[in-house]
């Protein structure tokens, strides 16, 4: 976890998440906290140790620290439709995870934050803490925990798909994007769930081109994880492309639920 915390902070500094400035006379610092998590795949296997420096968004003041919060969420109905379409036609289905997604967008308000307890940034030139002379950290990027972060990131993603790739956003599903090339007949469909991308196409070349552009846009400093889908939105996915068979299950979640709550094992079951 210490390695995960160090990685989180170094990554944030590398993309200029903060700016060291004197705290304004009537300014205030919104506290942050460290959230630690052991991340598992949908089948229950270990994936990685994860740390997040998170703003205590409940301390934000509407009209001062943020103005709007709405961000669309993908429907699992559309996830099943995408997977069904790919399975029926034998298309590849790829899954990507955008690292530090919210930090890819710029904050839309003047916000200063204080670091979580136990975390300190040191000025290399002087060897002193960043705030030894009254300076504070002004946010430049939408940190996790900020009330407006999901919305700001969604705007960046939409701009990428519509303006840079030339794809079309779904009318009934705002997290669905698609593209059709009438000359080559290539079809591409992508579905987003915050920072997770599910993508399929009838052309492997289109998939590779999409990943190259996605990684160039959002993988600065860290390549985006890009692999055949094995889980999405907490659901385990087993896809045999050659046999055109696909199964979905949450067996690991159910097993964990019964293991953590012994009372459930005592409930009567139907014969």
Protein backbone atom coordinates (compact mmCIF):
# COMPACT_ATOMS: atom_id res chain seq x y z
CA UNK A 1 0.00 0.00 0.00
CA UNK A 2 2.92 2.37 0.66
CA UNK A 3 4.11 1.75 -2.89
CA UNK A 4 0.58 2.42 -4.15
CA UNK A 5 0.43 5.72 -2.21
CA UNK A 6 3.82 6.82 -3.54
CA UNK A 7 2.79 5.96 -7.10
CA UNK A 8 -0.44 7.92 -6.75
CA UNK A 9 1.30 11.08 -5.55
CA UNK A 10 4.15 10.90 -8.06
CA UNK A 11 1.69 10.40 -10.91
CA UNK A 12 -0.33 13.40 -9.77
CA UNK A 13 2.75 15.60 -9.59
CA UNK A 14 3.91 14.45 -13.03
CA UNK A 15 0.75 15.78 -14.68
CA UNK A 16 0.72 19.04 -12.66
CA UNK A 17 -2.35 18.32 -10.57
CA UNK A 18 -1.40 21.02 -8.06
CA UNK A 19 0.01 24.53 -8.21
CA UNK A 20 1.80 25.98 -5.20
CA UNK A 21 0.38 29.44 -4.47
CA UNK A 22 -0.22 31.69 -1.44
CA UNK A 23 -3.63 31.01 0.06
CA UNK A 24 -5.93 34.00 -0.68
CA UNK A 25 -7.00 36.13 2.27
CA UNK A 26 -10.53 34.72 2.35
CA UNK A 27 -9.60 31.38 0.82
CA UNK A 28 -10.00 28.01 2.48
CA UNK A 29 -8.50 24.57 1.98
CA UNK A 30 -10.74 21.57 1.34
CA UNK A 31 -9.30 18.51 3.16
CA UNK A 32 -8.28 15.36 1.33
CA UNK A 33 -8.00 11.78 2.52
CA UNK A 34 -6.29 8.62 1.33
CA UNK A 35 -8.52 5.75 0.22
CA UNK A 36 -6.80 2.36 0.08
CA UNK A 37 -8.24 -0.67 -1.67
CA UNK A 38 -7.24 -4.14 -2.78
CA UNK A 39 -8.74 -4.42 -6.26
CA UNK A 40 -9.99 -7.80 -7.48
CA UNK A 41 -11.19 -8.97 -10.85
CA UNK A 42 -14.77 -10.14 -11.31
CA UNK A 43 -13.67 -13.76 -10.86
CA UNK A 44 -12.29 -12.92 -7.41
CA UNK A 45 -8.58 -13.01 -8.32
CA UNK A 46 -6.22 -10.29 -7.09
CA UNK A 47 -5.49 -7.49 -9.55
CA UNK A 48 -3.59 -4.76 -7.69
CA UNK A 49 -3.25 -2.62 -4.57
CA UNK A 50 -4.73 0.79 -5.19
CA UNK A 51 -4.46 4.17 -3.46
CA UNK A 52 -6.40 7.34 -4.18
CA UNK A 53 -5.92 10.85 -2.81
CA UNK A 54 -9.54 11.96 -2.59
CA UNK A 55 -11.08 15.36 -1.91
CA UNK A 56 -13.66 15.39 0.87
CA UNK A 57 -16.33 16.49 -1.54
CA UNK A 58 -18.99 16.75 1.17
CA UNK A 59 -17.11 19.85 2.36
CA UNK A 60 -17.47 21.59 -0.99
CA UNK A 61 -19.84 24.54 -1.21
CA UNK A 62 -22.21 24.72 -4.17
CA UNK A 63 -21.77 27.91 -6.18
CA UNK A 64 -18.26 28.35 -4.87
CA UNK A 65 -16.41 25.06 -5.26
CA UNK A 66 -18.68 23.50 -7.88
CA UNK A 67 -21.68 24.37 -10.05
CA UNK A 68 -22.99 21.14 -11.62
CA UNK A 69 -22.50 17.43 -10.99
CA UNK A 70 -24.59 15.40 -13.46
CA UNK A 71 -22.74 12.72 -15.44
CA UNK A 72 -24.33 9.89 -17.48
CA UNK A 73 -23.89 6.24 -16.49
CA UNK A 74 -24.01 3.30 -18.87
CA UNK A 75 -26.94 0.91 -18.65
CA UNK A 76 -26.08 -2.77 -18.29
CA UNK A 77 -28.83 -3.49 -20.81
CA UNK A 78 -26.65 -1.81 -23.43
CA UNK A 79 -23.60 -3.71 -22.19
CA UNK A 80 -25.44 -6.97 -22.86
CA UNK A 81 -26.56 -5.74 -26.29
CA UNK A 82 -22.97 -4.86 -27.25
CA UNK A 83 -21.68 -8.23 -26.05
CA UNK A 84 -24.51 -10.08 -27.78
CA UNK A 85 -23.84 -8.27 -31.06
CA UNK A 86 -20.12 -9.08 -30.87
CA UNK A 87 -20.74 -12.72 -29.93
CA UNK A 88 -23.28 -13.25 -32.71
CA UNK A 89 -20.83 -11.95 -35.33
CA UNK A 90 -17.64 -13.33 -33.80
CA UNK A 91 -16.08 -9.89 -33.24
CA UNK A 92 -13.27 -9.17 -30.79
CA UNK A 93 -14.32 -7.44 -27.56
CA UNK A 94 -11.65 -5.36 -25.84
CA UNK A 95 -11.65 -3.76 -22.42
CA UNK A 96 -9.60 -0.72 -21.40
CA UNK A 97 -9.13 1.05 -18.09
CA UNK A 98 -8.11 4.72 -18.27
CA UNK A 99 -5.61 5.45 -15.45
CA UNK A 100 -6.33 8.44 -13.22
CA UNK A 101 -9.26 9.29 -15.44
CA UNK A 102 -10.64 12.30 -13.59
CA UNK A 103 -7.24 13.97 -13.56
CA UNK A 104 -7.41 14.20 -17.35
CA UNK A 105 -9.87 17.09 -17.03
CA UNK A 106 -9.28 20.60 -15.74
CA UNK A 107 -11.04 21.85 -12.63
CA UNK A 108 -13.64 24.55 -13.32
CA UNK A 109 -13.38 26.50 -10.04
CA UNK A 110 -10.74 27.98 -7.74
CA UNK A 111 -10.13 25.28 -5.18
CA UNK A 112 -7.33 24.86 -2.65
CA UNK A 113 -6.73 21.57 -0.87
CA UNK A 114 -4.81 20.33 2.14
CA UNK A 115 -3.03 16.99 1.95
CA UNK A 116 -4.21 13.96 3.87
CA UNK A 117 -2.71 13.23 7.28
CA UNK A 118 0.65 11.51 6.90
CA UNK A 119 1.32 12.95 3.43
CA UNK A 120 3.73 15.82 2.87
CA UNK A 121 5.33 17.38 -0.18
CA UNK A 122 8.87 18.70 0.18
CA UNK A 123 10.46 21.49 -1.86
CA UNK A 124 13.59 19.94 -3.39
CA UNK A 125 15.38 23.29 -3.50
CA UNK A 126 14.96 24.13 0.19
CA UNK A 127 14.14 20.77 1.75
CA UNK A 128 11.16 22.43 3.48
CA UNK A 129 7.46 21.52 3.35
CA UNK A 130 5.54 23.21 0.54
CA UNK A 131 3.41 25.17 3.04
CA UNK A 132 6.17 26.40 5.38
CA UNK A 133 5.60 30.04 4.33
CA UNK A 134 1.80 29.98 4.14
CA UNK A 135 1.56 28.56 0.61
CA UNK A 136 -1.25 26.20 -0.33
CA UNK A 137 -2.01 23.75 -3.13
CA UNK A 138 -4.39 25.03 -5.76
CA UNK A 139 -6.10 22.33 -7.80
CA UNK A 140 -5.48 22.43 -11.53
CA UNK A 141 -7.14 19.12 -12.33
CA UNK A 142 -10.40 17.48 -11.27
CA UNK A 143 -9.29 15.37 -8.33
CA UNK A 144 -11.21 12.28 -7.26
CA UNK A 145 -13.85 13.16 -4.71
CA UNK A 146 -14.67 16.54 -6.24
CA UNK A 147 -18.40 16.74 -6.84
CA UNK A 148 -17.93 17.93 -10.43
CA UNK A 149 -15.14 15.52 -11.46
CA UNK A 150 -17.31 12.87 -13.21
CA UNK A 151 -19.07 15.53 -15.28
CA UNK A 152 -15.83 17.26 -16.29
CA UNK A 153 -14.23 13.97 -17.33
CA UNK A 154 -17.31 12.97 -19.32
CA UNK A 155 -17.03 16.23 -21.28
CA UNK A 156 -13.40 15.44 -22.12
CA UNK A 157 -14.31 11.91 -23.26
CA UNK A 158 -17.21 13.15 -25.36
CA UNK A 159 -14.97 15.71 -27.04
CA UNK A 160 -12.46 12.96 -27.84
CA UNK A 161 -15.02 10.65 -29.45
CA UNK A 162 -17.08 13.25 -31.30
CA UNK A 163 -14.55 15.92 -32.31
CA UNK A 164 -11.30 13.96 -32.56
CA UNK A 165 -12.49 10.54 -33.73
CA UNK A 166 -15.61 11.69 -35.56
CA UNK A 167 -17.82 9.07 -33.91
CA UNK A 168 -21.53 9.51 -33.17
CA UNK A 169 -22.92 9.63 -29.64
CA UNK A 170 -25.97 7.49 -28.96
CA UNK A 171 -29.28 9.32 -28.73
CA UNK A 172 -30.77 7.08 -26.03
CA UNK A 173 -27.49 6.04 -24.38
CA UNK A 174 -25.10 8.94 -23.75
CA UNK A 175 -22.24 6.56 -22.88
CA UNK A 176 -22.45 4.72 -26.21
CA UNK A 177 -20.45 5.81 -29.26
CA UNK A 178 -20.44 4.25 -32.71
CA UNK A 179 -18.86 4.70 -36.13
CA UNK A 180 -19.55 3.29 -39.59
CA UNK A 181 -17.33 3.66 -42.64
CA UNK A 182 -19.50 3.28 -45.78
CA UNK A 183 -16.43 2.75 -47.97
CA UNK A 184 -14.80 -0.13 -46.09
CA UNK A 185 -17.89 -1.33 -44.22
CA UNK A 186 -16.03 -1.11 -40.90
CA UNK A 187 -18.23 -0.87 -37.80
CA UNK A 188 -17.00 0.20 -34.37
CA UNK A 189 -18.92 0.47 -31.10
CA UNK A 190 -17.65 1.65 -27.71
CA UNK A 191 -19.41 1.84 -24.35
CA UNK A 192 -18.08 3.76 -21.37
CA UNK A 193 -18.65 3.31 -17.66
CA UNK A 194 -16.76 6.25 -16.11
CA UNK A 195 -13.13 5.20 -16.80
CA UNK A 196 -13.82 1.72 -18.23
CA UNK A 197 -14.07 1.32 -22.01
CA UNK A 198 -15.72 -1.65 -23.72
CA UNK A 199 -15.07 -1.73 -27.46
CA UNK A 200 -15.88 -4.06 -30.36
CA UNK A 201 -15.56 -3.92 -34.14
CA UNK A 202 -15.76 -6.12 -37.21
CA UNK A 203 -12.21 -5.02 -38.07
CA UNK A 204 -9.13 -5.81 -35.98
CA UNK A 205 -7.32 -2.91 -37.68
CA UNK A 206 -10.00 -0.48 -36.44
CA UNK A 207 -9.59 -1.84 -32.89
CA UNK A 208 -5.82 -1.32 -32.99
CA UNK A 209 -6.18 2.18 -34.41
CA UNK A 210 -8.75 3.07 -31.76
CA UNK A 211 -6.45 1.87 -28.96
CA UNK A 212 -3.51 3.84 -30.38
CA UNK A 213 -5.53 7.06 -30.38
CA UNK A 214 -7.11 6.35 -26.98
CA UNK A 215 -3.70 5.68 -25.44
CA UNK A 216 -2.21 8.80 -27.01
CA UNK A 217 -5.01 10.88 -25.52
CA UNK A 218 -5.43 9.37 -22.04
CA UNK A 219 -2.41 7.15 -21.47
CA UNK A 220 0.15 9.92 -20.93
CA UNK A 221 2.80 8.50 -18.61
CA UNK A 222 0.98 5.17 -18.24
CA UNK A 223 -0.28 2.93 -21.03
CA UNK A 224 -3.96 2.13 -20.83
CA UNK A 225 -4.73 -1.46 -19.92
CA UNK A 226 -6.06 -3.05 -23.11
CA UNK A 227 -7.01 -6.71 -23.15
CA UNK A 228 -9.79 -9.08 -24.23
CA UNK A 229 -12.76 -8.53 -21.95
CA UNK A 230 -12.79 -10.69 -18.83
CA UNK A 231 -14.89 -8.49 -16.54
CA UNK A 232 -16.94 -5.31 -16.82
CA UNK A 233 -18.98 -3.43 -14.23
CA UNK A 234 -18.19 -6.15 -11.70
CA UNK A 235 -19.48 -8.97 -13.89
CA UNK A 236 -17.25 -11.88 -14.91
CA UNK A 237 -17.21 -12.34 -18.70
CA UNK A 238 -16.14 -15.57 -20.42
CA UNK A 239 -16.07 -15.13 -24.20
CA UNK A 240 -15.08 -17.84 -26.68
CA UNK A 241 -14.85 -15.94 -29.93
CA UNK A 242 -14.23 -18.93 -32.16
CA UNK A 243 -17.23 -20.84 -30.76
CA UNK A 244 -19.28 -17.65 -30.50
CA UNK A 245 -20.24 -18.43 -26.93
CA UNK A 246 -20.38 -15.90 -24.11
CA UNK A 247 -21.38 -16.26 -20.47
CA UNK A 248 -21.81 -13.70 -17.70
CA UNK A 249 -21.79 -14.41 -13.97
CA UNK A 250 -21.25 -12.87 -10.55
CA UNK A 251 -20.33 -16.16 -8.86
CA UNK A 252 -17.35 -14.64 -7.03
CA UNK A 253 -19.52 -11.88 -5.55
CA UNK A 254 -22.12 -14.38 -4.37
CA UNK A 255 -19.46 -16.62 -2.80
CA UNK A 256 -17.90 -13.62 -1.04
CA UNK A 257 -21.33 -12.51 0.20
CA UNK A 258 -22.01 -15.89 1.80
CA UNK A 259 -18.48 -16.11 3.19
CA UNK A 260 -18.71 -12.67 4.81
CA UNK A 261 -22.23 -13.14 6.20
CA UNK A 262 -22.58 -16.53 7.86
CA UNK A 263 -26.25 -15.88 8.66
CA UNK A 264 -27.08 -16.26 4.96
CA UNK A 265 -25.87 -19.87 5.01
CA UNK A 266 -28.50 -20.67 7.64
CA UNK A 267 -31.43 -19.54 5.50
CA UNK A 268 -33.73 -22.32 4.26
CA UNK A 269 -33.53 -23.18 0.56
CA UNK A 270 -36.16 -24.66 -1.73
CA UNK A 271 -35.82 -28.31 -2.68
